[in-house]
Amino acid sequence: MGRETFTSLRDKDVINICDGKRLGFVNDVEIDVCDGRICAIVVLFDCRLCGFGKCEELVIPWEKIKCFGKDAVLVNVSAEIYAKIGFDEKNFKKQKNI
């Protein structure tokens, strides 16, 4: 994979290859200090509507990361992850179209 700095990761979109949705940006990383390896990336998933509400954190295990590109990080997480954070896609689409 090469090398990446944490600062460069924060500038990249995180895209779910399962459905093509943009999940947000890398906000943090989880590190196993005993082994000295990265365990997961933490992504801020923006489920706010017109600036109201809150962002949820998605913890994506290292095994789910498929590719680090120039502008994006591709991950493969199942669509059930949206339900776990309380994201209602149907309701969001309706409200967003208003």
PDB file of N, CA and C in Angstrom:
ATOM      1  N   MET A   1       0.807  -1.209   0.000  1.00  0.00           N
ATOM      2  CA  MET A   1       0.000   0.000   0.000  1.00  0.00           C
ATOM      3  C   MET A   1       0.842   1.261   0.000  1.00  0.00           C
ATOM      4  N   GLY A   2       2.069   1.198   0.401  1.00  0.00           N
ATOM      5  CA  GLY A   2       2.866   2.411   0.489  1.00  0.00           C
ATOM      6  C   GLY A   2       2.708   3.059   1.847  1.00  0.00           C
ATOM      7  N   ARG A   3       3.029   4.336   1.907  1.00  0.00           N
ATOM      8  CA  ARG A   3       2.936   5.073   3.172  1.00  0.00           C
ATOM      9  C   ARG A   3       1.997   6.248   3.036  1.00  0.00           C
ATOM     10  N   GLU A   4       1.275   6.523   4.097  1.00  0.00           N
ATOM     11  CA  GLU A   4       0.363   7.661   4.181  1.00  0.00           C
ATOM     12  C   GLU A   4       0.597   8.344   5.516  1.00  0.00           C
ATOM     13  N   THR A   5       0.460   9.634   5.549  1.00  0.00           N
ATOM     14  CA  THR A   5       0.479  10.343   6.817  1.00  0.00           C
ATOM     15  C   THR A   5      -0.960  10.523   7.277  1.00  0.00           C
ATOM     16  N   PHE A   6      -1.120  10.698   8.572  1.00  0.00           N
ATOM     17  CA  PHE A   6      -2.468  10.913   9.106  1.00  0.00           C
ATOM     18  C   PHE A   6      -3.076  12.175   8.514  1.00  0.00           C
ATOM     19  N   THR A   7      -2.280  13.197   8.341  1.00  0.00           N
ATOM     20  CA  THR A   7      -2.770  14.452   7.773  1.00  0.00           C
ATOM     21  C   THR A   7      -3.298  14.248   6.363  1.00  0.00           C
ATOM     22  N   SER A   8      -2.613  13.453   5.557  1.00  0.00           N
ATOM     23  CA  SER A   8      -3.094  13.224   4.194  1.00  0.00           C
ATOM     24  C   SER A   8      -4.361  12.368   4.183  1.00  0.00           C
ATOM     25  N   LEU A   9      -4.511  11.479   5.155  1.00  0.00           N
ATOM     26  CA  LEU A   9      -5.735  10.685   5.241  1.00  0.00           C
ATOM     27  C   LEU A   9      -6.951  11.543   5.538  1.00  0.00           C
ATOM     28  N   ARG A  10      -6.779  12.564   6.349  1.00  0.00           N
ATOM     29  CA  ARG A  10      -7.906  13.417   6.740  1.00  0.00           C
ATOM     30  C   ARG A  10      -8.479  14.195   5.565  1.00  0.00           C
ATOM     31  N   ASP A  11      -7.737  14.332   4.488  1.00  0.00           N
ATOM     32  CA  ASP A  11      -8.213  15.058   3.318  1.00  0.00           C
ATOM     33  C   ASP A  11      -8.944  14.164   2.316  1.00  0.00           C
ATOM     34  N   LYS A  12      -9.025  12.880   2.598  1.00  0.00           N
ATOM     35  CA  LYS A  12      -9.596  11.948   1.631  1.00  0.00           C
ATOM     36  C   LYS A  12     -11.024  11.553   1.984  1.00  0.00           C
ATOM     37  N   ASP A  13     -11.860  11.448   0.933  1.00  0.00           N
ATOM     38  CA  ASP A  13     -13.212  10.921   1.103  1.00  0.00           C
ATOM     39  C   ASP A  13     -13.124   9.438   1.406  1.00  0.00           C
ATOM     40  N   VAL A  14     -14.077   8.938   2.183  1.00  0.00           N
ATOM     41  CA  VAL A  14     -14.200   7.510   2.415  1.00  0.00           C
ATOM     42  C   VAL A  14     -15.453   7.057   1.668  1.00  0.00           C
ATOM     43  N   ILE A  15     -15.268   6.138   0.714  1.00  0.00           N
ATOM     44  CA  ILE A  15     -16.348   5.666  -0.143  1.00  0.00           C
ATOM     45  C   ILE A  15     -16.595   4.188   0.131  1.00  0.00           C
ATOM     46  N   ASN A  16     -17.872   3.831   0.285  1.00  0.00           N
ATOM     47  CA  ASN A  16     -18.260   2.442   0.479  1.00  0.00           C
ATOM     48  C   ASN A  16     -18.468   1.807  -0.891  1.00  0.00           C
ATOM     49  N   ILE A  17     -17.644   0.827  -1.246  1.00  0.00           N
ATOM     50  CA  ILE A  17     -17.768   0.209  -2.560  1.00  0.00           C
ATOM     51  C   ILE A  17     -18.980  -0.712  -2.640  1.00  0.00           C
ATOM     52  N   CYS A  18     -19.587  -1.025  -1.507  1.00  0.00           N
ATOM     53  CA  CYS A  18     -20.788  -1.864  -1.489  1.00  0.00           C
ATOM     54  C   CYS A  18     -21.951  -1.165  -2.192  1.00  0.00           C
ATOM     55  N   ASP A  19     -22.074   0.155  -1.985  1.00  0.00           N
ATOM     56  CA  ASP A  19     -23.198   0.889  -2.577  1.00  0.00           C
ATOM     57  C   ASP A  19     -22.796   2.232  -3.190  1.00  0.00           C
ATOM     58  N   GLY A  20     -21.519   2.572  -3.151  1.00  0.00           N
ATOM     59  CA  GLY A  20     -21.046   3.808  -3.766  1.00  0.00           C
ATOM     60  C   GLY A  20     -21.273   5.064  -2.948  1.00  0.00           C
ATOM     61  N   LYS A  21     -21.742   4.936  -1.716  1.00  0.00           N
ATOM     62  CA  LYS A  21     -22.016   6.110  -0.881  1.00  0.00           C
ATOM     63  C   LYS A  21     -20.731   6.695  -0.304  1.00  0.00           C
ATOM     64  N   ARG A  22     -20.710   8.023  -0.230  1.00  0.00           N
ATOM     65  CA  ARG A  22     -19.620   8.739   0.434  1.00  0.00           C
ATOM     66  C   ARG A  22     -19.935   8.734   1.917  1.00  0.00           C
ATOM     67  N   LEU A  23     -19.035   8.187   2.715  1.00  0.00           N
ATOM     68  CA  LEU A  23     -19.271   8.072   4.153  1.00  0.00           C
ATOM     69  C   LEU A  23     -18.779   9.279   4.933  1.00  0.00           C
ATOM     70  N   GLY A  24     -17.848  10.021   4.408  1.00  0.00           N
ATOM     71  CA  GLY A  24     -17.295  11.174   5.109  1.00  0.00           C
ATOM     72  C   GLY A  24     -15.789  11.206   4.945  1.00  0.00           C
ATOM     73  N   PHE A  25     -15.129  11.804   5.924  1.00  0.00           N
ATOM     74  CA  PHE A  25     -13.673  11.905   5.925  1.00  0.00           C
ATOM     75  C   PHE A  25     -13.114  11.143   7.121  1.00  0.00           C
ATOM     76  N   VAL A  26     -11.882  10.706   7.003  1.00  0.00           N
ATOM     77  CA  VAL A  26     -11.208  10.064   8.133  1.00  0.00           C
ATOM     78  C   VAL A  26     -11.038  11.111   9.225  1.00  0.00           C
ATOM     79  N   ASN A  27     -11.522  10.791  10.414  1.00  0.00           N
ATOM     80  CA  ASN A  27     -11.414  11.716  11.535  1.00  0.00           C
ATOM     81  C   ASN A  27     -10.325  11.294  12.511  1.00  0.00           C
ATOM     82  N   ASP A  28     -10.095   9.983  12.615  1.00  0.00           N
ATOM     83  CA  ASP A  28      -9.128   9.481  13.584  1.00  0.00           C
ATOM     84  C   ASP A  28      -8.720   8.071  13.172  1.00  0.00           C
ATOM     85  N   VAL A  29      -7.738   7.525  13.845  1.00  0.00           N
ATOM     86  CA  VAL A  29      -7.334   6.135  13.648  1.00  0.00           C
ATOM     87  C   VAL A  29      -7.229   5.472  15.016  1.00  0.00           C
ATOM     88  N   GLU A  30      -7.472   4.166  15.052  1.00  0.00           N
ATOM     89  CA  GLU A  30      -7.265   3.377  16.265  1.00  0.00           C
ATOM     90  C   GLU A  30      -5.989   2.577  16.083  1.00  0.00           C
ATOM     91  N   ILE A  31      -5.107   2.676  17.061  1.00  0.00           N
ATOM     92  CA  ILE A  31      -3.798   2.022  16.988  1.00  0.00           C
ATOM     93  C   ILE A  31      -3.652   1.039  18.137  1.00  0.00           C
ATOM     94  N   ASP A  32      -3.185  -0.148  17.825  1.00  0.00           N
ATOM     95  CA  ASP A  32      -2.818  -1.130  18.845  1.00  0.00           C
ATOM     96  C   ASP A  32      -1.399  -0.783  19.282  1.00  0.00           C
ATOM     97  N   VAL A  33      -1.258  -0.203  20.459  1.00  0.00           N
ATOM     98  CA  VAL A  33       0.053   0.277  20.891  1.00  0.00           C
ATOM     99  C   VAL A  33       1.016  -0.869  21.227  1.00  0.00           C
ATOM    100  N   CYS A  34       0.490  -2.049  21.541  1.00  0.00           N
ATOM    101  CA  CYS A  34       1.361  -3.190  21.814  1.00  0.00           C
ATOM    102  C   CYS A  34       2.013  -3.702  20.541  1.00  0.00           C
ATOM    103  N   ASP A  35       1.238  -3.779  19.463  1.00  0.00           N
ATOM    104  CA  ASP A  35       1.744  -4.287  18.190  1.00  0.00           C
ATOM    105  C   ASP A  35       2.248  -3.187  17.265  1.00  0.00           C
ATOM    106  N   GLY A  36       1.853  -1.962  17.540  1.00  0.00           N
ATOM    107  CA  GLY A  36       2.258  -0.850  16.687  1.00  0.00           C
ATOM    108  C   GLY A  36       1.596  -0.862  15.322  1.00  0.00           C
ATOM    109  N   ARG A  37       0.332  -1.308  15.270  1.00  0.00           N
ATOM    110  CA  ARG A  37      -0.366  -1.346  13.988  1.00  0.00           C
ATOM    111  C   ARG A  37      -1.710  -0.623  14.092  1.00  0.00           C
ATOM    112  N   ILE A  38      -2.195  -0.179  12.946  1.00  0.00           N
ATOM    113  CA  ILE A  38      -3.501   0.479  12.898  1.00  0.00           C
ATOM    114  C   ILE A  38      -4.581  -0.590  12.879  1.00  0.00           C
ATOM    115  N   CYS A  39      -5.567  -0.466  13.770  1.00  0.00           N
ATOM    116  CA  CYS A  39      -6.661  -1.432  13.867  1.00  0.00           C
ATOM    117  C   CYS A  39      -7.886  -0.996  13.072  1.00  0.00           C
ATOM    118  N   ALA A  40      -8.111   0.326  13.002  1.00  0.00           N
ATOM    119  CA  ALA A  40      -9.320   0.828  12.362  1.00  0.00           C
ATOM    120  C   ALA A  40      -9.154   2.306  12.038  1.00  0.00           C
ATOM    121  N   ILE A  41     -10.020   2.772  11.120  1.00  0.00           N
ATOM    122  CA  ILE A  41     -10.127   4.215  10.896  1.00  0.00           C
ATOM    123  C   ILE A  41     -11.482   4.644  11.435  1.00  0.00           C
ATOM    124  N   VAL A  42     -11.543   5.860  11.929  1.00  0.00           N
ATOM    125  CA  VAL A  42     -12.787   6.423  12.442  1.00  0.00           C
ATOM    126  C   VAL A  42     -13.227   7.503  11.463  1.00  0.00           C
ATOM    127  N   VAL A  43     -14.449   7.347  10.959  1.00  0.00           N
ATOM    128  CA  VAL A  43     -14.989   8.253   9.950  1.00  0.00           C
ATOM    129  C   VAL A  43     -16.169   9.001  10.555  1.00  0.00           C
ATOM    130  N   LEU A  44     -16.222  10.311  10.345  1.00  0.00           N
ATOM    131  CA  LEU A  44     -17.402  11.073  10.749  1.00  0.00           C
ATOM    132  C   LEU A  44     -18.428  10.963   9.643  1.00  0.00           C
ATOM    133  N   PHE A  45     -19.550  10.296   9.933  1.00  0.00           N
ATOM    134  CA  PHE A  45     -20.639  10.120   8.980  1.00  0.00           C
ATOM    135  C   PHE A  45     -21.631  11.240   9.223  1.00  0.00           C
ATOM    136  N   ASP A  46     -21.802  12.097   8.236  1.00  0.00           N
ATOM    137  CA  ASP A  46     -22.663  13.274   8.382  1.00  0.00           C
ATOM    138  C   ASP A  46     -24.094  12.924   8.018  1.00  0.00           C
ATOM    139  N   CYS A  47     -24.945  12.747   9.032  1.00  0.00           N
ATOM    140  CA  CYS A  47     -26.354  12.454   8.771  1.00  0.00           C
ATOM    141  C   CYS A  47     -27.218  13.637   9.195  1.00  0.00           C
ATOM    142  N   ARG A  48     -26.628  14.826   9.193  1.00  0.00           N
ATOM    143  CA  ARG A  48     -27.374  16.031   9.522  1.00  0.00           C
ATOM    144  C   ARG A  48     -28.213  16.461   8.332  1.00  0.00           C
ATOM    145  N   LEU A  49     -29.237  17.229   8.624  1.00  0.00           N
ATOM    146  CA  LEU A  49     -30.101  17.761   7.583  1.00  0.00           C
ATOM    147  C   LEU A  49     -30.051  19.279   7.673  1.00  0.00           C
ATOM    148  N   CYS A  50     -29.592  19.918   6.652  1.00  0.00           N
ATOM    149  CA  CYS A  50     -29.498  21.389   6.586  1.00  0.00           C
ATOM    150  C   CYS A  50     -28.711  21.953   7.761  1.00  0.00           C
ATOM    151  N   GLY A  51     -27.693  21.229   8.192  1.00  0.00           N
ATOM    152  CA  GLY A  51     -26.840  21.712   9.272  1.00  0.00           C
ATOM    153  C   GLY A  51     -27.336  21.381  10.662  1.00  0.00           C
ATOM    154  N   PHE A  52     -28.519  20.754  10.780  1.00  0.00           N
ATOM    155  CA  PHE A  52     -29.062  20.405  12.091  1.00  0.00           C
ATOM    156  C   PHE A  52     -28.855  18.927  12.358  1.00  0.00           C
ATOM    157  N   GLY A  53     -28.714  18.581  13.612  1.00  0.00           N
ATOM    158  CA  GLY A  53     -28.478  17.187  13.982  1.00  0.00           C
ATOM    159  C   GLY A  53     -27.036  16.993  14.375  1.00  0.00           C
ATOM    160  N   LYS A  54     -26.620  15.750  14.343  1.00  0.00           N
ATOM    161  CA  LYS A  54     -25.248  15.470  14.751  1.00  0.00           C
ATOM    162  C   LYS A  54     -24.617  14.482  13.791  1.00  0.00           C
ATOM    163  N   CYS A  55     -23.311  14.462  13.809  1.00  0.00           N
ATOM    164  CA  CYS A  55     -22.558  13.496  13.021  1.00  0.00           C
ATOM    165  C   CYS A  55     -22.332  12.256  13.883  1.00  0.00           C
ATOM    166  N   GLU A  56     -22.324  11.125  13.246  1.00  0.00           N
ATOM    167  CA  GLU A  56     -22.047   9.865  13.931  1.00  0.00           C
ATOM    168  C   GLU A  56     -20.664   9.378  13.537  1.00  0.00           C
ATOM    169  N   GLU A  57     -20.015   8.681  14.446  1.00  0.00           N
ATOM    170  CA  GLU A  57     -18.717   8.098  14.144  1.00  0.00           C
ATOM    171  C   GLU A  57     -18.895   6.666  13.666  1.00  0.00           C
ATOM    172  N   LEU A  58     -18.258   6.350  12.578  1.00  0.00           N
ATOM    173  CA  LEU A  58     -18.205   4.983  12.085  1.00  0.00           C
ATOM    174  C   LEU A  58     -16.793   4.467  12.300  1.00  0.00           C
ATOM    175  N   VAL A  59     -16.655   3.345  12.977  1.00  0.00           N
ATOM    176  CA  VAL A  59     -15.350   2.720  13.163  1.00  0.00           C
ATOM    177  C   VAL A  59     -15.257   1.601  12.125  1.00  0.00           C
ATOM    178  N   ILE A  60     -14.335   1.759  11.196  1.00  0.00           N
ATOM    179  CA  ILE A  60     -14.175   0.798  10.117  1.00  0.00           C
ATOM    180  C   ILE A  60     -12.890   0.006  10.347  1.00  0.00           C
ATOM    181  N   PRO A  61     -13.033  -1.304  10.592  1.00  0.00           N
ATOM    182  CA  PRO A  61     -11.847  -2.136  10.844  1.00  0.00           C
ATOM    183  C   PRO A  61     -10.891  -2.136   9.654  1.00  0.00           C
ATOM    184  N   TRP A  62      -9.629  -2.313   9.940  1.00  0.00           N
ATOM    185  CA  TRP A  62      -8.585  -2.304   8.914  1.00  0.00           C
ATOM    186  C   TRP A  62      -8.868  -3.318   7.810  1.00  0.00           C
ATOM    187  N   GLU A  63      -9.442  -4.458   8.166  1.00  0.00           N
ATOM    188  CA  GLU A  63      -9.721  -5.506   7.189  1.00  0.00           C
ATOM    189  C   GLU A  63     -10.743  -5.066   6.139  1.00  0.00           C
ATOM    190  N   LYS A  64     -11.563  -4.062   6.452  1.00  0.00           N
ATOM    191  CA  LYS A  64     -12.602  -3.580   5.537  1.00  0.00           C
ATOM    192  C   LYS A  64     -12.080  -2.527   4.564  1.00  0.00           C
ATOM    193  N   ILE A  65     -10.851  -2.057   4.777  1.00  0.00           N
ATOM    194  CA  ILE A  65     -10.259  -1.074   3.871  1.00  0.00           C
ATOM    195  C   ILE A  65      -9.706  -1.817   2.665  1.00  0.00           C
ATOM    196  N   LYS A  66     -10.153  -1.412   1.481  1.00  0.00           N
ATOM    197  CA  LYS A  66      -9.751  -2.109   0.254  1.00  0.00           C
ATOM    198  C   LYS A  66      -8.653  -1.379  -0.501  1.00  0.00           C
ATOM    199  N   CYS A  67      -8.656  -0.039  -0.472  1.00  0.00           N
ATOM    200  CA  CYS A  67      -7.693   0.693  -1.293  1.00  0.00           C
ATOM    201  C   CYS A  67      -7.548   2.126  -0.798  1.00  0.00           C
ATOM    202  N   PHE A  68      -6.311   2.599  -0.792  1.00  0.00           N
ATOM    203  CA  PHE A  68      -6.030   4.008  -0.556  1.00  0.00           C
ATOM    204  C   PHE A  68      -5.693   4.625  -1.901  1.00  0.00           C
ATOM    205  N   GLY A  69      -6.533   5.524  -2.371  1.00  0.00           N
ATOM    206  CA  GLY A  69      -6.273   6.198  -3.632  1.00  0.00           C
ATOM    207  C   GLY A  69      -5.754   7.599  -3.397  1.00  0.00           C
ATOM    208  N   LYS A  70      -5.572   8.339  -4.477  1.00  0.00           N
ATOM    209  CA  LYS A  70      -5.065   9.708  -4.386  1.00  0.00           C
ATOM    210  C   LYS A  70      -6.045  10.621  -3.657  1.00  0.00           C
ATOM    211  N   ASP A  71      -7.350  10.450  -3.936  1.00  0.00           N
ATOM    212  CA  ASP A  71      -8.370  11.332  -3.363  1.00  0.00           C
ATOM    213  C   ASP A  71      -9.351  10.634  -2.436  1.00  0.00           C
ATOM    214  N   ALA A  72      -9.299   9.303  -2.360  1.00  0.00           N
ATOM    215  CA  ALA A  72     -10.314   8.585  -1.593  1.00  0.00           C
ATOM    216  C   ALA A  72      -9.748   7.307  -0.979  1.00  0.00           C
ATOM    217  N   VAL A  73     -10.456   6.868   0.065  1.00  0.00           N
ATOM    218  CA  VAL A  73     -10.199   5.579   0.688  1.00  0.00           C
ATOM    219  C   VAL A  73     -11.427   4.725   0.388  1.00  0.00           C
ATOM    220  N   LEU A  74     -11.221   3.568  -0.239  1.00  0.00           N
ATOM    221  CA  LEU A  74     -12.329   2.685  -0.564  1.00  0.00           C
ATOM    222  C   LEU A  74     -12.449   1.619   0.517  1.00  0.00           C
ATOM    223  N   VAL A  75     -13.668   1.475   1.039  1.00  0.00           N
ATOM    224  CA  VAL A  75     -13.939   0.487   2.074  1.00  0.00           C
ATOM    225  C   VAL A  75     -15.090  -0.395   1.616  1.00  0.00           C
ATOM    226  N   ASN A  76     -15.208  -1.566   2.203  1.00  0.00           N
ATOM    227  CA  ASN A  76     -16.294  -2.472   1.874  1.00  0.00           C
ATOM    228  C   ASN A  76     -17.017  -2.841   3.153  1.00  0.00           C
ATOM    229  N   VAL A  77     -18.049  -2.064   3.477  1.00  0.00           N
ATOM    230  CA  VAL A  77     -18.871  -2.337   4.652  1.00  0.00           C
ATOM    231  C   VAL A  77     -20.299  -2.581   4.190  1.00  0.00           C
ATOM    232  N   SER A  78     -21.006  -3.446   4.895  1.00  0.00           N
ATOM    233  CA  SER A  78     -22.370  -3.787   4.495  1.00  0.00           C
ATOM    234  C   SER A  78     -23.306  -2.611   4.738  1.00  0.00           C
ATOM    235  N   ALA A  79     -24.428  -2.617   4.037  1.00  0.00           N
ATOM    236  CA  ALA A  79     -25.407  -1.532   4.138  1.00  0.00           C
ATOM    237  C   ALA A  79     -26.054  -1.466   5.519  1.00  0.00           C
ATOM    238  N   GLU A  80     -25.959  -2.545   6.308  1.00  0.00           N
ATOM    239  CA  GLU A  80     -26.545  -2.540   7.652  1.00  0.00           C
ATOM    240  C   GLU A  80     -25.881  -1.510   8.566  1.00  0.00           C
ATOM    241  N   ILE A  81     -24.707  -1.060   8.186  1.00  0.00           N
ATOM    242  CA  ILE A  81     -24.001  -0.080   9.016  1.00  0.00           C
ATOM    243  C   ILE A  81     -24.801   1.208   9.154  1.00  0.00           C
ATOM    244  N   TYR A  82     -25.592   1.560   8.142  1.00  0.00           N
ATOM    245  CA  TYR A  82     -26.404   2.774   8.203  1.00  0.00           C
ATOM    246  C   TYR A  82     -27.509   2.653   9.252  1.00  0.00           C
ATOM    247  N   ALA A  83     -28.097   1.468   9.362  1.00  0.00           N
ATOM    248  CA  ALA A  83     -29.143   1.251  10.356  1.00  0.00           C
ATOM    249  C   ALA A  83     -28.579   1.320  11.776  1.00  0.00           C
ATOM    250  N   LYS A  84     -27.346   0.834  11.957  1.00  0.00           N
ATOM    251  CA  LYS A  84     -26.728   0.835  13.285  1.00  0.00           C
ATOM    252  C   LYS A  84     -26.533   2.242  13.824  1.00  0.00           C
ATOM    253  N   ILE A  85     -26.340   3.216  12.938  1.00  0.00           N
ATOM    254  CA  ILE A  85     -26.123   4.587  13.410  1.00  0.00           C
ATOM    255  C   ILE A  85     -27.388   5.425  13.338  1.00  0.00           C
ATOM    256  N   GLY A  86     -28.514   4.786  12.990  1.00  0.00           N
ATOM    257  CA  GLY A  86     -29.791   5.485  12.975  1.00  0.00           C
ATOM    258  C   GLY A  86     -30.027   6.321  11.734  1.00  0.00           C
ATOM    259  N   PHE A  87     -29.410   5.985  10.617  1.00  0.00           N
ATOM    260  CA  PHE A  87     -29.567   6.724   9.383  1.00  0.00           C
ATOM    261  C   PHE A  87     -30.707   6.117   8.590  1.00  0.00           C
ATOM    262  N   ASP A  88     -31.795   6.877   8.410  1.00  0.00           N
ATOM    263  CA  ASP A  88     -32.959   6.420   7.657  1.00  0.00           C
ATOM    264  C   ASP A  88     -32.878   6.982   6.252  1.00  0.00           C
ATOM    265  N   GLU A  89     -32.464   6.156   5.304  1.00  0.00           N
ATOM    266  CA  GLU A  89     -32.205   6.618   3.944  1.00  0.00           C
ATOM    267  C   GLU A  89     -33.464   7.155   3.267  1.00  0.00           C
ATOM    268  N   LYS A  90     -34.615   6.478   3.428  1.00  0.00           N
ATOM    269  CA  LYS A  90     -35.859   6.926   2.786  1.00  0.00           C
ATOM    270  C   LYS A  90     -36.263   8.300   3.297  1.00  0.00           C
ATOM    271  N   ASN A  91     -36.235   8.464   4.607  1.00  0.00           N
ATOM    272  CA  ASN A  91     -36.610   9.736   5.207  1.00  0.00           C
ATOM    273  C   ASN A  91     -35.641  10.834   4.810  1.00  0.00           C
ATOM    274  N   PHE A  92     -34.363  10.521   4.757  1.00  0.00           N
ATOM    275  CA  PHE A  92     -33.343  11.494   4.381  1.00  0.00           C
ATOM    276  C   PHE A  92     -33.557  11.977   2.966  1.00  0.00           C
ATOM    277  N   LYS A  93     -33.854  11.071   2.028  1.00  0.00           N
ATOM    278  CA  LYS A  93     -34.080  11.463   0.630  1.00  0.00           C
ATOM    279  C   LYS A  93     -35.283  12.373   0.503  1.00  0.00           C
ATOM    280  N   LYS A  94     -36.363  12.044   1.220  1.00  0.00           N
ATOM    281  CA  LYS A  94     -37.560  12.870   1.157  1.00  0.00           C
ATOM    282  C   LYS A  94     -37.268  14.285   1.647  1.00  0.00           C
ATOM    283  N   GLN A  95     -36.632  14.377   2.807  1.00  0.00           N
ATOM    284  CA  GLN A  95     -36.352  15.690   3.398  1.00  0.00           C
ATOM    285  C   GLN A  95     -35.362  16.475   2.569  1.00  0.00           C
ATOM    286  N   LYS A  96     -34.392  15.806   1.991  1.00  0.00           N
ATOM    287  CA  LYS A  96     -33.376  16.492   1.232  1.00  0.00           C
ATOM    288  C   LYS A  96     -33.928  17.090  -0.072  1.00  0.00           C
ATOM    289  N   ASN A  97     -34.978  16.458  -0.630  1.00  0.00           N
ATOM    290  CA  ASN A  97     -35.576  16.947  -1.868  1.00  0.00           C
ATOM    291  C   ASN A  97     -36.504  18.137  -1.643  1.00  0.00           C
ATOM    292  N   ILE A  98     -36.854  18.432  -0.419  1.00  0.00           N
ATOM    293  CA  ILE A  98     -37.751  19.561  -0.154  1.00  0.00           C
ATOM    294  C   ILE A  98     -37.063  20.867  -0.402  1.00  0.00           C
TER     295      ILE A  98
END
